[in-house]
Protein backbone atom coordinates (compact mmCIF):
# COMPACT_ATOMS: atom_id res chain seq x y z
CA UNK A 1 -36.31 46.02 -23.94
CA UNK A 2 -33.47 44.52 -21.92
CA UNK A 3 -29.74 44.66 -22.38
CA UNK A 4 -27.69 42.97 -25.08
CA UNK A 5 -24.03 41.97 -24.68
CA UNK A 6 -21.92 44.43 -26.76
CA UNK A 7 -20.28 41.44 -28.52
CA UNK A 8 -23.53 41.06 -30.51
CA UNK A 9 -23.96 44.70 -31.54
CA UNK A 10 -23.32 45.48 -35.20
CA UNK A 11 -21.43 48.63 -36.18
CA UNK A 12 -23.75 51.50 -37.09
CA UNK A 13 -23.57 51.03 -40.87
CA UNK A 14 -24.49 47.34 -40.59
CA UNK A 15 -27.37 47.62 -38.12
CA UNK A 16 -30.62 46.34 -39.68
CA UNK A 17 -33.60 48.52 -40.54
CA UNK A 18 -36.80 47.07 -39.14
CA UNK A 19 -39.10 48.69 -41.71
CA UNK A 20 -37.44 46.95 -44.63
CA UNK A 21 -39.48 46.13 -47.73
CA UNK A 22 -40.12 42.56 -48.75
CA UNK A 23 -38.30 41.48 -51.87
CA UNK A 24 -40.13 41.93 -55.11
CA UNK A 25 -38.71 40.04 -58.00
CA UNK A 26 -36.58 37.30 -56.41
CA UNK A 27 -37.37 34.62 -58.98
CA UNK A 28 -39.76 31.83 -57.99
CA UNK A 29 -38.89 28.92 -60.27
CA UNK A 30 -41.08 25.87 -60.87
CA UNK A 31 -38.90 22.76 -61.30
CA UNK A 32 -41.71 20.53 -62.60
CA UNK A 33 -40.33 20.65 -66.21
CA UNK A 34 -37.57 18.35 -64.88
CA UNK A 35 -40.18 15.59 -65.02
CA UNK A 36 -40.70 16.07 -68.76
CA UNK A 37 -38.43 15.70 -71.79
CA UNK A 38 -35.20 17.67 -71.57
CA UNK A 39 -35.48 18.55 -75.26
CA UNK A 40 -38.82 20.36 -75.03
CA UNK A 41 -39.46 24.12 -74.78
CA UNK A 42 -40.53 23.93 -71.11
CA UNK A 43 -37.16 22.48 -70.15
CA UNK A 44 -35.26 25.06 -72.24
CA UNK A 45 -37.22 27.83 -70.54
CA UNK A 46 -36.36 26.38 -67.14
CA UNK A 47 -32.62 26.38 -67.97
CA UNK A 48 -32.91 30.01 -69.13
CA UNK A 49 -34.80 30.98 -65.95
CA UNK A 50 -32.09 29.43 -63.78
CA UNK A 51 -29.37 31.21 -65.75
CA UNK A 52 -31.11 34.59 -65.50
CA UNK A 53 -31.71 34.15 -61.76
CA UNK A 54 -28.04 33.26 -61.14
CA UNK A 55 -26.84 36.20 -63.24
CA UNK A 56 -29.25 38.91 -62.06
CA UNK A 57 -29.90 37.93 -58.46
CA UNK A 58 -27.58 35.16 -57.27
CA UNK A 59 -30.72 33.97 -55.39
CA UNK A 60 -33.94 32.22 -56.38
CA UNK A 61 -36.71 30.11 -54.84
CA UNK A 62 -37.78 26.71 -56.16
CA UNK A 63 -41.16 24.96 -55.96
CA UNK A 64 -42.21 21.49 -57.19
CA UNK A 65 -38.68 20.44 -56.27
CA UNK A 66 -39.44 16.81 -55.43
CA UNK A 67 -38.45 16.89 -51.73
CA UNK A 68 -41.26 15.15 -49.80
CA UNK A 69 -42.97 17.51 -47.37
CA UNK A 70 -42.97 14.85 -44.64
CA UNK A 71 -39.17 14.68 -44.83
CA UNK A 72 -38.90 18.44 -44.24
CA UNK A 73 -41.49 18.39 -41.46
CA UNK A 74 -39.60 15.57 -39.76
CA UNK A 75 -36.29 17.46 -39.61
CA UNK A 76 -38.00 20.71 -38.58
CA UNK A 77 -39.70 18.94 -35.65
CA UNK A 78 -36.44 17.19 -34.64
CA UNK A 79 -34.60 20.55 -34.77
CA UNK A 80 -37.17 22.17 -32.46
CA UNK A 81 -36.85 19.27 -30.01
CA UNK A 82 -33.06 19.49 -30.07
CA UNK A 83 -32.91 23.24 -29.39
CA UNK A 84 -35.49 22.83 -26.61
CA UNK A 85 -33.04 20.58 -24.71
CA UNK A 86 -31.18 22.06 -21.74
CA UNK A 87 -27.93 23.90 -22.45
CA UNK A 88 -26.13 21.13 -20.56
CA UNK A 89 -27.55 18.43 -22.87
CA UNK A 90 -26.73 20.40 -26.01
CA UNK A 91 -23.16 21.01 -24.86
CA UNK A 92 -22.63 17.24 -24.65
CA UNK A 93 -22.52 17.31 -28.46
CA UNK A 94 -20.68 20.65 -28.58
CA UNK A 95 -18.27 21.36 -31.39
CA UNK A 96 -14.77 22.79 -31.07
CA UNK A 97 -11.68 23.51 -33.16
CA UNK A 98 -10.78 19.80 -33.26
CA UNK A 99 -14.22 18.62 -34.42
CA UNK A 100 -16.30 21.43 -35.96
CA UNK A 101 -19.45 19.27 -36.06
CA UNK A 102 -22.23 19.43 -33.49
CA UNK A 103 -23.69 22.18 -31.33
CA UNK A 104 -22.36 25.74 -31.07
CA UNK A 105 -23.74 29.04 -29.76
CA UNK A 106 -20.87 31.55 -29.99
CA UNK A 107 -20.26 31.82 -33.72
CA UNK A 108 -18.87 35.03 -35.21
CA UNK A 109 -19.49 36.49 -38.67
CA UNK A 110 -17.23 39.37 -39.76
CA UNK A 111 -15.88 39.36 -36.18
CA UNK A 112 -19.28 40.15 -34.60
CA UNK A 113 -21.15 37.51 -32.61
CA UNK A 114 -24.30 36.04 -34.21
CA UNK A 115 -27.60 35.87 -32.28
CA UNK A 116 -28.16 32.16 -32.87
CA UNK A 117 -27.34 28.61 -31.90
CA UNK A 118 -26.53 25.93 -34.47
CA UNK A 119 -26.10 22.20 -34.94
CA UNK A 120 -23.97 20.96 -37.88
CA UNK A 121 -23.86 17.50 -39.47
CA UNK A 122 -22.06 16.41 -42.63
CA UNK A 123 -23.55 14.29 -45.40
CA UNK A 124 -20.55 11.96 -45.67
CA UNK A 125 -19.77 10.28 -42.36
CA UNK A 126 -16.87 10.46 -41.85
CA UNK A 127 -15.98 13.55 -43.89
CA UNK A 128 -12.31 14.02 -44.79
CA UNK A 129 -10.75 17.50 -44.54
CA UNK A 130 -7.21 18.91 -44.09
CA UNK A 131 -5.91 18.66 -40.51
CA UNK A 132 -4.88 22.34 -40.50
CA UNK A 133 -4.94 25.52 -42.56
CA UNK A 134 -1.14 25.41 -43.00
CA UNK A 135 -0.43 25.01 -46.78
CA UNK A 136 2.64 22.83 -46.01
CA UNK A 137 0.70 20.42 -43.78
CA UNK A 138 -0.50 17.49 -45.93
CA UNK A 139 -2.14 15.62 -43.05
CA UNK A 140 -5.88 14.87 -43.24
CA UNK A 141 -8.43 14.23 -40.53
CA UNK A 142 -11.83 12.58 -40.29
CA UNK A 143 -14.85 14.49 -39.03
CA UNK A 144 -17.46 12.33 -37.31
CA UNK A 145 -21.02 13.49 -36.70
CA UNK A 146 -22.12 13.79 -33.08
CA UNK A 147 -25.66 12.88 -32.04
CA UNK A 148 -27.53 13.54 -28.77
CA UNK A 149 -28.17 10.29 -26.90
CA UNK A 150 -31.70 11.17 -25.85
CA UNK A 151 -32.99 12.24 -29.26
CA UNK A 152 -32.51 9.30 -31.68
CA UNK A 153 -35.00 10.75 -34.17
CA UNK A 154 -32.60 13.64 -34.91
CA UNK A 155 -30.08 11.37 -36.63
CA UNK A 156 -32.74 9.59 -38.67
CA UNK A 157 -34.32 12.90 -39.75
CA UNK A 158 -30.97 14.45 -40.72
CA UNK A 159 -29.83 11.41 -42.71
CA UNK A 160 -33.13 11.19 -44.63
CA UNK A 161 -33.05 14.93 -45.29
CA UNK A 162 -29.43 14.83 -46.48
CA UNK A 163 -30.31 12.17 -49.07
CA UNK A 164 -33.17 14.31 -50.41
CA UNK A 165 -31.07 17.48 -50.43
CA UNK A 166 -28.32 15.75 -52.40
CA UNK A 167 -30.86 14.79 -55.08
CA UNK A 168 -32.11 18.38 -55.27
CA UNK A 169 -28.57 19.78 -55.32
CA UNK A 170 -27.65 17.63 -58.34
CA UNK A 171 -30.80 18.76 -60.18
CA UNK A 172 -29.87 22.41 -59.64
CA UNK A 173 -26.16 21.90 -60.45
CA UNK A 174 -27.14 20.24 -63.73
CA UNK A 175 -29.45 23.13 -64.65
CA UNK A 176 -26.68 25.61 -63.82
CA UNK A 177 -24.18 23.67 -65.95
CA UNK A 178 -26.61 23.71 -68.90
CA UNK A 179 -27.26 27.43 -68.41
CA UNK A 180 -23.50 28.03 -68.76
CA UNK A 181 -23.45 26.07 -72.02
CA UNK A 182 -21.71 23.09 -70.39
CA UNK A 183 -22.66 19.38 -70.48
CA UNK A 184 -25.39 18.58 -67.96
CA UNK A 185 -23.15 16.55 -65.63
CA UNK A 186 -20.05 18.76 -65.95
CA UNK A 187 -20.08 19.75 -62.26
CA UNK A 188 -21.20 16.45 -60.72
CA UNK A 189 -17.75 14.86 -60.44
CA UNK A 190 -16.53 17.51 -58.00
CA UNK A 191 -18.98 16.18 -55.37
CA UNK A 192 -17.95 12.50 -55.30
CA UNK A 193 -16.27 12.86 -51.87
CA UNK A 194 -18.24 15.95 -50.91
CA UNK A 195 -17.82 18.01 -47.74
CA UNK A 196 -21.48 19.17 -47.85
CA UNK A 197 -23.29 19.69 -44.58
CA UNK A 198 -26.65 20.49 -42.98
CA UNK A 199 -26.96 23.22 -40.41
CA UNK A 200 -29.88 23.54 -38.02
CA UNK A 201 -30.28 27.20 -36.99
CA UNK A 202 -32.23 28.54 -34.03
CA UNK A 203 -32.60 32.29 -33.58
CA UNK A 204 -34.14 33.03 -30.14
CA UNK A 205 -36.22 36.21 -29.66
CA UNK A 206 -33.92 39.21 -29.24
CA UNK A 207 -34.66 42.33 -27.16
CA UNK A 208 -32.75 44.61 -29.59
CA UNK A 209 -33.47 43.47 -33.17
CA UNK A 210 -32.38 46.89 -34.49
CA UNK A 211 -28.80 46.39 -33.19
CA UNK A 212 -28.18 42.68 -33.67
CA UNK A 213 -28.19 40.13 -36.51
CA UNK A 214 -28.88 36.41 -36.38
CA UNK A 215 -26.13 36.03 -38.98
CA UNK A 216 -24.09 39.00 -40.09
CA UNK A 217 -23.56 39.93 -43.73
CA UNK A 218 -21.58 37.29 -45.62
CA UNK A 219 -21.22 35.33 -48.83
CA UNK A 220 -21.29 31.53 -48.84
CA UNK A 221 -17.98 29.77 -49.53
CA UNK A 222 -19.49 26.64 -51.13
CA UNK A 223 -20.99 25.93 -54.53
CA UNK A 224 -24.67 26.27 -53.60
CA UNK A 225 -26.76 26.79 -50.49
CA UNK A 226 -30.33 25.44 -50.30
CA UNK A 227 -32.38 26.93 -47.45
CA UNK A 228 -35.59 25.90 -45.75
CA UNK A 229 -36.85 28.82 -43.67
CA UNK A 230 -39.91 28.81 -41.42
CA UNK A 231 -42.90 31.16 -41.68
CA UNK A 232 -41.28 33.77 -39.39
CA UNK A 233 -38.71 34.65 -42.07
CA UNK A 234 -35.74 36.95 -41.66
CA UNK A 235 -33.41 36.26 -44.59
CA UNK A 236 -32.23 39.46 -46.29
CA UNK A 237 -30.43 39.64 -49.62
CA UNK A 238 -28.36 42.53 -50.95
CA UNK A 239 -29.98 43.45 -54.27
CA UNK A 240 -27.41 43.63 -57.06
CA UNK A 241 -29.05 46.53 -58.89
CA UNK A 242 -28.84 49.07 -56.04
CA UNK A 243 -27.17 47.42 -53.01
CA UNK A 244 -30.38 47.66 -50.92
CA UNK A 245 -31.14 44.99 -48.31
CA UNK A 246 -34.44 43.27 -49.11
CA UNK A 247 -36.37 40.67 -47.12
CA UNK A 248 -37.12 37.29 -48.74
CA UNK A 249 -40.75 36.53 -47.91
CA UNK A 250 -41.23 32.88 -46.91
CA UNK A 251 -43.03 30.86 -49.61
CA UNK A 252 -44.67 27.73 -48.13
CA UNK A 253 -42.67 24.57 -48.91
CA UNK A 254 -40.27 26.39 -51.25
CA UNK A 255 -36.49 26.26 -50.98
CA UNK A 256 -34.32 29.34 -51.33
CA UNK A 257 -31.20 28.67 -53.39
CA UNK A 258 -28.17 30.89 -53.64
CA UNK A 259 -25.03 30.74 -55.71
CA UNK A 260 -21.86 30.39 -53.61
CA UNK A 261 -18.31 31.58 -54.16
CA UNK A 262 -17.29 28.37 -55.96
CA UNK A 263 -19.84 28.86 -58.74
CA UNK A 264 -18.74 32.49 -59.01
CA UNK A 265 -15.16 31.28 -59.62
CA UNK A 266 -16.16 28.33 -61.88
CA UNK A 267 -18.27 30.69 -64.03
CA UNK A 268 -15.44 33.28 -64.09
CA UNK A 269 -17.77 35.91 -62.56
CA UNK A 270 -20.72 35.30 -64.91
CA UNK A 271 -22.70 34.24 -61.83
CA UNK A 272 -21.98 36.11 -58.62
CA UNK A 273 -22.20 35.03 -55.00
CA UNK A 274 -24.37 37.64 -53.25
CA UNK A 275 -24.17 39.02 -49.73
CA UNK A 276 -26.98 38.06 -47.37
CA UNK A 277 -27.76 38.12 -43.65
CA UNK A 278 -30.46 37.06 -41.16
CA UNK A 279 -32.61 39.37 -39.05
CA UNK A 280 -33.84 38.52 -35.56
CA UNK A 281 -37.28 39.10 -34.07
CA UNK A 282 -38.17 40.65 -30.72
CA UNK A 283 -41.16 38.34 -30.16
CA UNK A 284 -40.75 35.15 -32.13
CA UNK A 285 -38.04 32.52 -32.32
CA UNK A 286 -37.03 31.51 -35.84
CA UNK A 287 -35.74 28.23 -37.27
CA UNK A 288 -34.01 27.63 -40.58
CA UNK A 289 -32.16 24.73 -42.19
CA UNK A 290 -29.52 25.51 -44.80
CA UNK A 291 -27.86 22.74 -46.78
CA UNK A 292 -24.38 23.79 -47.92
CA UNK A 293 -23.24 22.04 -51.12
CA UNK A 294 -19.44 21.69 -51.03
CA UNK A 295 -17.10 19.67 -53.28
CA UNK A 296 -14.37 17.29 -52.06
CA UNK A 297 -11.59 18.80 -49.94
CA UNK A 298 -8.96 18.01 -52.61
CA UNK A 299 -10.78 20.09 -55.27
CA UNK A 300 -8.79 22.89 -56.87
CA UNK A 301 -11.31 25.65 -57.57
CA UNK A 302 -10.62 27.82 -60.59
CA UNK A 303 -12.48 29.11 -63.65
CA UNK A 304 -13.67 26.19 -65.79
CA UNK A 305 -11.44 25.86 -68.85
CA UNK A 306 -14.40 25.74 -71.26
CA UNK A 307 -15.52 29.20 -70.12
CA UNK A 308 -12.22 31.06 -70.57
CA UNK A 309 -10.62 32.28 -73.77
CA UNK A 310 -8.70 35.29 -75.08
CA UNK A 311 -11.76 37.53 -74.86
CA UNK A 312 -12.67 36.21 -71.39
CA UNK A 313 -9.40 35.36 -69.59
CA UNK A 314 -9.38 33.65 -66.17
CA UNK A 315 -10.16 36.12 -63.38
CA UNK A 316 -8.98 33.86 -60.53
CA UNK A 317 -6.03 31.66 -59.79
CA UNK A 318 -7.02 28.22 -58.55
CA UNK A 319 -7.18 27.57 -54.81
CA UNK A 320 -7.47 24.38 -52.78
CA UNK A 321 -10.95 24.11 -51.28
CA UNK A 322 -9.94 22.16 -48.15
CA UNK A 323 -7.30 24.71 -47.14
CA UNK A 324 -9.63 27.60 -47.98
CA UNK A 325 -12.46 26.27 -45.78
CA UNK A 326 -10.11 25.26 -42.94
CA UNK A 327 -8.62 28.76 -42.93
CA UNK A 328 -12.06 30.36 -43.04
CA UNK A 329 -13.48 28.31 -40.17
CA UNK A 330 -10.85 29.66 -37.77
CA UNK A 331 -12.86 32.87 -37.41
CA UNK A 332 -15.88 30.92 -36.10
CA UNK A 333 -14.10 30.43 -32.80
CA UNK A 334 -12.22 33.64 -32.19
CA UNK A 335 -12.12 37.23 -33.27
CA UNK A 336 -9.39 37.71 -35.85
CA UNK A 337 -7.34 40.87 -36.39
CA UNK A 338 -7.81 40.67 -40.16
CA UNK A 339 -10.67 40.04 -42.56
CA UNK A 340 -11.19 36.34 -43.12
CA UNK A 341 -10.03 34.70 -46.37
CA UNK A 342 -12.23 35.49 -49.40
CA UNK A 343 -12.19 34.53 -53.08
CA UNK A 344 -11.16 38.11 -53.90
CA UNK A 345 -7.75 37.22 -52.45
CA UNK A 346 -7.29 34.88 -55.47
CA UNK A 347 -8.36 37.40 -58.07
CA UNK A 348 -5.84 37.85 -60.89
């Protein structure tokens, strides 16, 4: 089977089972009622479906979402071409602690190395974030996307895809707002100067898929994540009812959506961000494209005032998103001696 660097090997309790069952019950939600009147029963049912999925699973799949198939095919093809480039070419657009955009192949999750290589681009170019994780440092910096010189179609594909993903993200955010009993556009204003980004993931075949993970167990720090995964599959979700890891079977042309930490805090724990991870395959390479929906860096994230009262007091103190993300990203580059920052650290 070949040898694997010990840096990739998960501790015994987190090593994946290869005979895992495919997920039954992860909701598959048809978004076509968005094209009809938002006062009719179909639309009301859709809002209820979204609310139930967020509450019971934290994950759901959407079909009839309005993203043109050709747009998805274009970015998937460009991603395959990019990862097929030589290591030397990819490193020319390598990311580092100064500019965390571009190519990277030594990312850590929970202090264990992931079996993957990635390419990150932000929707807003430039994207503004804090210059450091230091709470006293008020300086900001601009992040600029990097593009490989010899693959012009990658930029075009990513920019087209980002525009489509933003449209889909707003549709889902509006449905989530309605499901919480809030005005439809209650959440939209947080994303005016968003820090959202696209990640291209490539998981090469791995000789020891029972010891290694493409991405270790984690929860997403943003508001939403919207994932396109290929037919190989590999995404596992921790089921809320019993804590079992279950495999999300790829549904052709669907997107997998999960609630992130920010929606957990905004909803004051009504909707929970759920742990997930990615398996690797001994024979096949796998590609996936998550779109991470993040508000502006200056956003203070706390329970929404309309959702808290004497019976349901705030469960979190507000935190600054830019500082939170900047602190969290430090662990991408080096092994830390402590667990990375989590929303539980702001729990009241």
